[in-house]
């Protein structure tokens, strides 16, 4: 099973911390919230650091079932 990062748009505060820390994976969406656009462009340890440091806990691992 493959884990990929996901952002809960209802929890995201739009602070941009994830986009600043790991811009190759996260970006700001037009709605002012972060989004995952390239989940495989960084090491899982780097993504885990973003998950651990999200101030509102909006970034999570998602099991894609593969």
C-alpha atoms as a PDB file:
ATOM      1  CA  UNK A   1       0.000   0.000   0.000  1.00  0.00           C
ATOM      2  CA  UNK A   2       1.244   3.423  -0.930  1.00  0.00           C
ATOM      3  CA  UNK A   3       0.886   6.367   1.386  1.00  0.00           C
ATOM      4  CA  UNK A   4       0.541   9.808  -0.136  1.00  0.00           C
ATOM      5  CA  UNK A   5       0.140  13.182   1.575  1.00  0.00           C
ATOM      6  CA  UNK A   6      -3.254  14.854   1.585  1.00  0.00           C
ATOM      7  CA  UNK A   7      -4.489  18.169   2.915  1.00  0.00           C
ATOM      8  CA  UNK A   8      -7.890  18.507   4.505  1.00  0.00           C
ATOM      9  CA  UNK A   9      -9.113  21.757   2.940  1.00  0.00           C
ATOM     10  CA  UNK A  10     -11.590  22.272   5.767  1.00  0.00           C
ATOM     11  CA  UNK A  11      -8.787  22.217   8.343  1.00  0.00           C
ATOM     12  CA  UNK A  12      -6.176  24.148   6.330  1.00  0.00           C
ATOM     13  CA  UNK A  13      -5.657  27.708   7.580  1.00  0.00           C
ATOM     14  CA  UNK A  14      -3.793  28.774   4.436  1.00  0.00           C
ATOM     15  CA  UNK A  15      -0.647  29.756   6.327  1.00  0.00           C
ATOM     16  CA  UNK A  16       1.615  28.409   3.565  1.00  0.00           C
ATOM     17  CA  UNK A  17       4.074  26.685   5.887  1.00  0.00           C
ATOM     18  CA  UNK A  18       3.930  23.455   3.870  1.00  0.00           C
ATOM     19  CA  UNK A  19       4.410  25.283   0.575  1.00  0.00           C
ATOM     20  CA  UNK A  20       7.403  27.134   1.965  1.00  0.00           C
ATOM     21  CA  UNK A  21       8.953  23.989   3.468  1.00  0.00           C
ATOM     22  CA  UNK A  22       8.331  21.657   0.515  1.00  0.00           C
ATOM     23  CA  UNK A  23       7.312  23.576  -2.601  1.00  0.00           C
ATOM     24  CA  UNK A  24       8.029  20.593  -4.833  1.00  0.00           C
ATOM     25  CA  UNK A  25       5.038  18.794  -3.243  1.00  0.00           C
ATOM     26  CA  UNK A  26       2.688  21.515  -1.950  1.00  0.00           C
ATOM     27  CA  UNK A  27       1.378  24.743  -3.471  1.00  0.00           C
ATOM     28  CA  UNK A  28      -1.254  27.341  -2.708  1.00  0.00           C
ATOM     29  CA  UNK A  29      -4.562  26.772  -4.480  1.00  0.00           C
ATOM     30  CA  UNK A  30      -6.558  29.704  -5.891  1.00  0.00           C
ATOM     31  CA  UNK A  31      -8.944  29.406  -2.917  1.00  0.00           C
ATOM     32  CA  UNK A  32      -6.120  30.394  -0.554  1.00  0.00           C
ATOM     33  CA  UNK A  33      -5.548  26.921   0.869  1.00  0.00           C
ATOM     34  CA  UNK A  34      -2.630  24.572   0.341  1.00  0.00           C
ATOM     35  CA  UNK A  35      -2.885  21.579  -1.940  1.00  0.00           C
ATOM     36  CA  UNK A  36      -0.765  18.578  -2.862  1.00  0.00           C
ATOM     37  CA  UNK A  37       0.196  18.673  -6.518  1.00  0.00           C
ATOM     38  CA  UNK A  38       3.197  16.309  -6.715  1.00  0.00           C
ATOM     39  CA  UNK A  39       3.010  13.759  -3.875  1.00  0.00           C
ATOM     40  CA  UNK A  40       5.998  11.730  -5.094  1.00  0.00           C
ATOM     41  CA  UNK A  41       8.480  14.578  -5.542  1.00  0.00           C
ATOM     42  CA  UNK A  42      10.003  14.373  -2.048  1.00  0.00           C
ATOM     43  CA  UNK A  43      11.179  11.774   0.432  1.00  0.00           C
ATOM     44  CA  UNK A  44       8.609  10.524   2.917  1.00  0.00           C
ATOM     45  CA  UNK A  45      10.762  11.794   5.797  1.00  0.00           C
ATOM     46  CA  UNK A  46      10.584  15.347   4.426  1.00  0.00           C
ATOM     47  CA  UNK A  47       6.822  15.073   3.996  1.00  0.00           C
ATOM     48  CA  UNK A  48       6.498  13.704   7.537  1.00  0.00           C
ATOM     49  CA  UNK A  49       8.273  16.812   8.857  1.00  0.00           C
ATOM     50  CA  UNK A  50       5.655  18.966   7.122  1.00  0.00           C
ATOM     51  CA  UNK A  51       2.877  16.822   8.607  1.00  0.00           C
ATOM     52  CA  UNK A  52       4.409  17.131  12.079  1.00  0.00           C
ATOM     53  CA  UNK A  53       4.790  20.910  11.783  1.00  0.00           C
ATOM     54  CA  UNK A  54       1.423  21.872  10.299  1.00  0.00           C
ATOM     55  CA  UNK A  55       0.020  24.274  12.921  1.00  0.00           C
ATOM     56  CA  UNK A  56      -3.572  23.082  12.444  1.00  0.00           C
ATOM     57  CA  UNK A  57      -2.913  19.417  11.642  1.00  0.00           C
ATOM     58  CA  UNK A  58      -4.401  19.639   8.147  1.00  0.00           C
ATOM     59  CA  UNK A  59      -1.749  17.514   6.408  1.00  0.00           C
ATOM     60  CA  UNK A  60      -2.189  13.756   6.707  1.00  0.00           C
ATOM     61  CA  UNK A  61      -1.030  10.510   5.148  1.00  0.00           C
ATOM     62  CA  UNK A  62      -3.617   8.845   2.920  1.00  0.00           C
ATOM     63  CA  UNK A  63      -3.481   5.193   1.943  1.00  0.00           C
ATOM     64  CA  UNK A  64      -4.303   5.020  -1.764  1.00  0.00           C
ATOM     65  CA  UNK A  65      -5.049   1.284  -1.568  1.00  0.00           C
ATOM     66  CA  UNK A  66      -2.290   0.209  -3.975  1.00  0.00           C
END
